[in-house]
Structures are given as structure tokens and as C-alpha cells.
């Protein structure tokens, strides 16, 4: 399978809230995180996907769209992406 050879997977975020969300991913490289950040906006009651992500451990940060275009951090953590795994994360309050 090509996903095994390329060591890639897909990740989807489903926003089941009534507010827009910003999701940022930082790939871990040893004890540090890489400088390039993947950020996407997921509209209310919608789903967005990232395709062909390199497998590994990622730090994630979910921010809620607040008043005056300010973002409020809702959740932070890490997730492990495994080759050929198509993961869907649902966000709800």
C-alpha cells in the first residue's frame, strides 16, 4: 500500500459546535516541535480534512473564535498519527 511506503495518513476534524474553530498542528521532532505550523479554520457544523500527513506525534491546539476576532484556547494536547490510519476527531462542547 502506498500509504505504508510514504508513511502518511489523513486527519479530519468535525466541528459539532456553533462557533468557528481554529486548529493548529505542530509536528514533534524528538523533544522539540518543527517550526512550520499547519493551521486551518473549521466552520460551525462542518468538517475539514488534512491529507497525506507524515506519521508521528503532533501537538494540537484548538481555539474558539471569540469576540473582536480574538481566539480563546479551548484545548491543547498531543495525538499520534499512524500510517494508513484515517482519523476523525469530533469537537463538541
N, C-alpha and C. Protein backbone atom coordinates (compact mmCIF):
# COMPACT_ATOMS: atom_id res chain seq x y z
N UNK A 1 0.84 -1.18 0.00
CA UNK A 1 0.00 0.00 0.00
C UNK A 1 0.89 1.25 0.00
N UNK A 2 0.52 2.25 -0.76
CA UNK A 2 1.36 3.44 -0.89
C UNK A 2 1.44 4.24 0.40
N UNK A 3 0.41 4.21 1.24
CA UNK A 3 0.46 4.96 2.49
C UNK A 3 1.52 4.39 3.43
N UNK A 4 1.75 3.09 3.37
CA UNK A 4 2.80 2.48 4.21
C UNK A 4 4.17 2.91 3.70
N UNK A 5 4.37 2.87 2.40
CA UNK A 5 5.65 3.26 1.83
C UNK A 5 5.95 4.74 2.06
N UNK A 6 4.94 5.59 1.93
CA UNK A 6 5.12 7.02 2.13
C UNK A 6 5.05 7.43 3.61
N UNK A 7 4.56 6.52 4.48
CA UNK A 7 4.41 6.78 5.91
C UNK A 7 3.48 7.97 6.16
N UNK A 8 2.29 7.93 5.53
CA UNK A 8 1.35 9.05 5.61
C UNK A 8 -0.02 8.57 6.08
N UNK A 9 -0.85 9.54 6.51
CA UNK A 9 -2.22 9.27 6.92
C UNK A 9 -3.06 10.53 6.72
N UNK A 10 -4.37 10.41 6.92
CA UNK A 10 -5.30 11.53 6.79
C UNK A 10 -5.89 11.82 8.16
N UNK A 11 -6.17 13.10 8.41
CA UNK A 11 -6.74 13.54 9.68
C UNK A 11 -7.87 14.51 9.40
N UNK A 12 -9.04 14.25 10.00
CA UNK A 12 -10.20 15.12 9.81
C UNK A 12 -10.70 15.64 11.15
N UNK A 13 -11.17 16.87 11.15
CA UNK A 13 -11.76 17.48 12.34
C UNK A 13 -13.21 17.83 12.02
N UNK A 14 -14.12 17.34 12.86
CA UNK A 14 -15.54 17.63 12.70
C UNK A 14 -15.95 18.60 13.80
N UNK A 15 -16.43 19.77 13.41
CA UNK A 15 -16.84 20.80 14.35
C UNK A 15 -18.34 20.66 14.59
N UNK A 16 -18.71 20.15 15.77
CA UNK A 16 -20.13 19.98 16.12
C UNK A 16 -20.61 21.11 17.02
N UNK A 17 -19.88 22.21 17.04
CA UNK A 17 -20.25 23.35 17.88
C UNK A 17 -20.91 24.43 17.02
N UNK A 18 -21.38 25.46 17.64
CA UNK A 18 -21.99 26.56 16.92
C UNK A 18 -21.02 27.70 16.66
N UNK A 19 -19.73 27.48 16.91
CA UNK A 19 -18.72 28.53 16.73
C UNK A 19 -17.62 28.05 15.79
N UNK A 20 -16.97 28.99 15.13
CA UNK A 20 -15.84 28.65 14.29
C UNK A 20 -14.65 28.25 15.14
N UNK A 21 -13.86 27.30 14.66
CA UNK A 21 -12.68 26.82 15.38
C UNK A 21 -11.43 27.00 14.51
N UNK A 22 -10.31 27.26 15.17
CA UNK A 22 -9.01 27.25 14.52
C UNK A 22 -8.23 26.10 15.12
N UNK A 23 -7.68 25.26 14.27
CA UNK A 23 -6.92 24.10 14.73
C UNK A 23 -5.51 24.21 14.17
N UNK A 24 -4.53 24.12 15.08
CA UNK A 24 -3.13 24.20 14.70
C UNK A 24 -2.43 22.90 15.06
N UNK A 25 -1.58 22.42 14.16
CA UNK A 25 -0.80 21.20 14.39
C UNK A 25 0.68 21.51 14.28
N UNK A 26 1.45 20.98 15.25
CA UNK A 26 2.90 21.15 15.29
C UNK A 26 3.51 19.76 15.35
N UNK A 27 4.30 19.37 14.35
CA UNK A 27 4.90 18.03 14.33
C UNK A 27 6.08 17.97 15.29
N UNK A 28 6.09 16.93 16.11
CA UNK A 28 7.18 16.75 17.08
C UNK A 28 8.36 16.09 16.39
N UNK A 29 9.54 16.60 16.70
CA UNK A 29 10.78 16.07 16.16
C UNK A 29 11.71 15.88 17.36
N UNK A 30 11.71 14.68 17.94
CA UNK A 30 12.47 14.44 19.17
C UNK A 30 11.76 15.12 20.33
N UNK A 31 12.46 16.00 21.04
CA UNK A 31 11.86 16.73 22.16
C UNK A 31 11.36 18.10 21.75
N UNK A 32 11.56 18.48 20.49
CA UNK A 32 11.17 19.80 20.01
C UNK A 32 10.07 19.66 18.96
N UNK A 33 9.48 20.80 18.61
CA UNK A 33 8.47 20.83 17.55
C UNK A 33 9.03 21.58 16.35
N UNK A 34 8.68 21.13 15.16
CA UNK A 34 9.13 21.78 13.94
C UNK A 34 8.54 23.18 13.85
N UNK A 35 9.24 24.07 13.14
CA UNK A 35 8.83 25.47 13.04
C UNK A 35 7.59 25.70 12.19
N UNK A 36 7.36 24.84 11.19
CA UNK A 36 6.19 25.07 10.33
C UNK A 36 4.93 24.53 11.01
N UNK A 37 3.91 25.37 11.03
CA UNK A 37 2.65 25.05 11.71
C UNK A 37 1.55 24.90 10.67
N UNK A 38 0.75 23.86 10.82
CA UNK A 38 -0.43 23.67 9.96
C UNK A 38 -1.63 24.22 10.73
N UNK A 39 -2.28 25.23 10.18
CA UNK A 39 -3.45 25.83 10.82
C UNK A 39 -4.60 25.85 9.84
N UNK A 40 -5.78 25.49 10.34
CA UNK A 40 -6.96 25.55 9.48
C UNK A 40 -8.15 26.03 10.30
N UNK A 41 -9.10 26.61 9.60
CA UNK A 41 -10.34 27.06 10.22
C UNK A 41 -11.44 26.07 9.86
N UNK A 42 -12.20 25.66 10.89
CA UNK A 42 -13.31 24.75 10.67
C UNK A 42 -14.59 25.50 11.06
N UNK A 43 -15.44 25.72 10.09
CA UNK A 43 -16.68 26.46 10.32
C UNK A 43 -17.63 25.66 11.21
N UNK A 44 -18.62 26.34 11.84
CA UNK A 44 -19.59 25.63 12.68
C UNK A 44 -20.33 24.54 11.91
N UNK A 45 -20.54 23.42 12.55
CA UNK A 45 -21.24 22.27 12.00
C UNK A 45 -20.66 21.89 10.62
N UNK A 46 -19.36 21.75 10.58
CA UNK A 46 -18.67 21.40 9.33
C UNK A 46 -17.49 20.48 9.65
N UNK A 47 -16.88 19.93 8.59
CA UNK A 47 -15.72 19.06 8.75
C UNK A 47 -14.67 19.46 7.72
N UNK A 48 -13.42 19.50 8.16
CA UNK A 48 -12.28 19.79 7.29
C UNK A 48 -11.25 18.69 7.48
N UNK A 49 -10.48 18.41 6.43
CA UNK A 49 -9.51 17.32 6.46
C UNK A 49 -8.13 17.80 6.02
N UNK A 50 -7.12 17.13 6.56
CA UNK A 50 -5.74 17.29 6.12
C UNK A 50 -5.32 15.93 5.56
N UNK A 51 -4.80 15.94 4.35
CA UNK A 51 -4.45 14.70 3.67
C UNK A 51 -2.95 14.53 3.59
N UNK A 52 -2.52 13.27 3.59
CA UNK A 52 -1.13 12.88 3.43
C UNK A 52 -0.20 13.55 4.43
N UNK A 53 -0.60 13.52 5.70
CA UNK A 53 0.28 14.00 6.78
C UNK A 53 1.29 12.91 7.10
N UNK A 54 2.50 13.31 7.40
CA UNK A 54 3.52 12.35 7.82
C UNK A 54 3.13 11.77 9.17
N UNK A 55 3.30 10.48 9.32
CA UNK A 55 3.01 9.83 10.59
C UNK A 55 3.95 10.37 11.67
N UNK A 56 3.49 10.32 12.91
CA UNK A 56 4.30 10.78 14.02
C UNK A 56 3.43 11.39 15.09
N UNK A 57 4.06 12.09 16.02
CA UNK A 57 3.36 12.72 17.12
C UNK A 57 3.23 14.21 16.83
N UNK A 58 2.03 14.72 17.01
CA UNK A 58 1.74 16.13 16.75
C UNK A 58 1.15 16.76 18.01
N UNK A 59 1.54 17.99 18.27
CA UNK A 59 0.87 18.80 19.28
C UNK A 59 -0.28 19.49 18.56
N UNK A 60 -1.45 19.53 19.20
CA UNK A 60 -2.57 20.24 18.60
C UNK A 60 -3.05 21.34 19.55
N UNK A 61 -3.59 22.40 18.96
CA UNK A 61 -4.20 23.48 19.73
C UNK A 61 -5.51 23.84 19.04
N UNK A 62 -6.60 23.80 19.81
CA UNK A 62 -7.92 24.15 19.29
C UNK A 62 -8.33 25.47 19.93
N UNK A 63 -8.64 26.44 19.07
CA UNK A 63 -9.04 27.76 19.54
C UNK A 63 -10.44 28.07 19.05
N UNK A 64 -11.23 28.72 19.91
CA UNK A 64 -12.60 29.12 19.57
C UNK A 64 -12.56 30.56 19.08
N UNK A 65 -13.32 30.82 18.04
CA UNK A 65 -13.44 32.17 17.53
C UNK A 65 -14.27 32.99 18.52
N UNK A 66 -13.64 34.02 19.10
CA UNK A 66 -14.32 34.82 20.11
C UNK A 66 -14.72 36.18 19.58
N UNK A 67 -15.06 37.06 20.51
CA UNK A 67 -15.46 38.42 20.15
C UNK A 67 -14.26 39.19 19.60
N UNK A 68 -14.51 40.17 18.75
CA UNK A 68 -13.48 41.04 18.18
C UNK A 68 -12.36 40.26 17.51
N UNK A 69 -12.69 39.13 16.90
CA UNK A 69 -11.74 38.28 16.19
C UNK A 69 -10.62 37.74 17.08
N UNK A 70 -10.82 37.74 18.39
CA UNK A 70 -9.84 37.15 19.30
C UNK A 70 -10.11 35.67 19.41
N UNK A 71 -9.04 34.92 19.61
CA UNK A 71 -9.16 33.47 19.74
C UNK A 71 -8.97 33.06 21.20
N UNK A 72 -9.80 32.13 21.65
CA UNK A 72 -9.72 31.62 23.01
C UNK A 72 -9.30 30.16 22.92
N UNK A 73 -8.23 29.78 23.63
CA UNK A 73 -7.76 28.39 23.60
C UNK A 73 -8.76 27.50 24.31
N UNK A 74 -9.27 26.51 23.58
CA UNK A 74 -10.24 25.56 24.12
C UNK A 74 -9.54 24.31 24.64
N UNK A 75 -8.60 23.78 23.87
CA UNK A 75 -7.91 22.56 24.27
C UNK A 75 -6.56 22.47 23.59
N UNK A 76 -5.59 21.89 24.31
CA UNK A 76 -4.27 21.60 23.75
C UNK A 76 -3.89 20.18 24.15
N UNK A 77 -3.06 19.55 23.35
CA UNK A 77 -2.62 18.21 23.68
C UNK A 77 -1.78 17.64 22.56
N UNK A 78 -1.57 16.34 22.61
CA UNK A 78 -0.81 15.65 21.57
C UNK A 78 -1.64 14.49 21.03
N UNK A 79 -1.39 14.17 19.78
CA UNK A 79 -2.01 12.99 19.19
C UNK A 79 -0.98 12.29 18.32
N UNK A 80 -1.15 10.98 18.22
CA UNK A 80 -0.23 10.16 17.44
C UNK A 80 -0.92 9.72 16.16
N UNK A 81 -0.30 10.03 15.04
CA UNK A 81 -0.82 9.63 13.74
C UNK A 81 -0.04 8.42 13.24
N UNK A 82 -0.76 7.38 12.85
CA UNK A 82 -0.16 6.13 12.40
C UNK A 82 -0.41 5.99 10.90
N UNK A 83 0.60 5.51 10.18
CA UNK A 83 0.49 5.36 8.73
C UNK A 83 -0.77 4.59 8.35
N UNK A 84 -1.44 5.06 7.31
CA UNK A 84 -2.65 4.47 6.73
C UNK A 84 -3.89 4.61 7.60
N UNK A 85 -3.78 5.25 8.76
CA UNK A 85 -4.94 5.44 9.62
C UNK A 85 -5.64 6.73 9.23
N UNK A 86 -6.91 6.67 8.98
CA UNK A 86 -7.70 7.84 8.65
C UNK A 86 -8.51 8.22 9.88
N UNK A 87 -8.03 9.22 10.61
CA UNK A 87 -8.59 9.58 11.90
C UNK A 87 -9.57 10.74 11.77
N UNK A 88 -10.70 10.65 12.48
CA UNK A 88 -11.67 11.73 12.55
C UNK A 88 -11.82 12.12 14.01
N UNK A 89 -11.59 13.41 14.30
CA UNK A 89 -11.74 13.94 15.66
C UNK A 89 -12.94 14.86 15.67
N UNK A 90 -13.90 14.56 16.55
CA UNK A 90 -15.09 15.41 16.66
C UNK A 90 -14.90 16.35 17.84
N UNK A 91 -15.19 17.62 17.63
CA UNK A 91 -15.06 18.62 18.67
C UNK A 91 -16.47 19.10 19.03
N UNK A 92 -16.82 18.94 20.29
CA UNK A 92 -18.11 19.42 20.78
C UNK A 92 -17.94 19.88 22.21
N UNK A 93 -18.82 20.78 22.61
CA UNK A 93 -18.74 21.32 23.98
C UNK A 93 -19.58 20.49 24.91
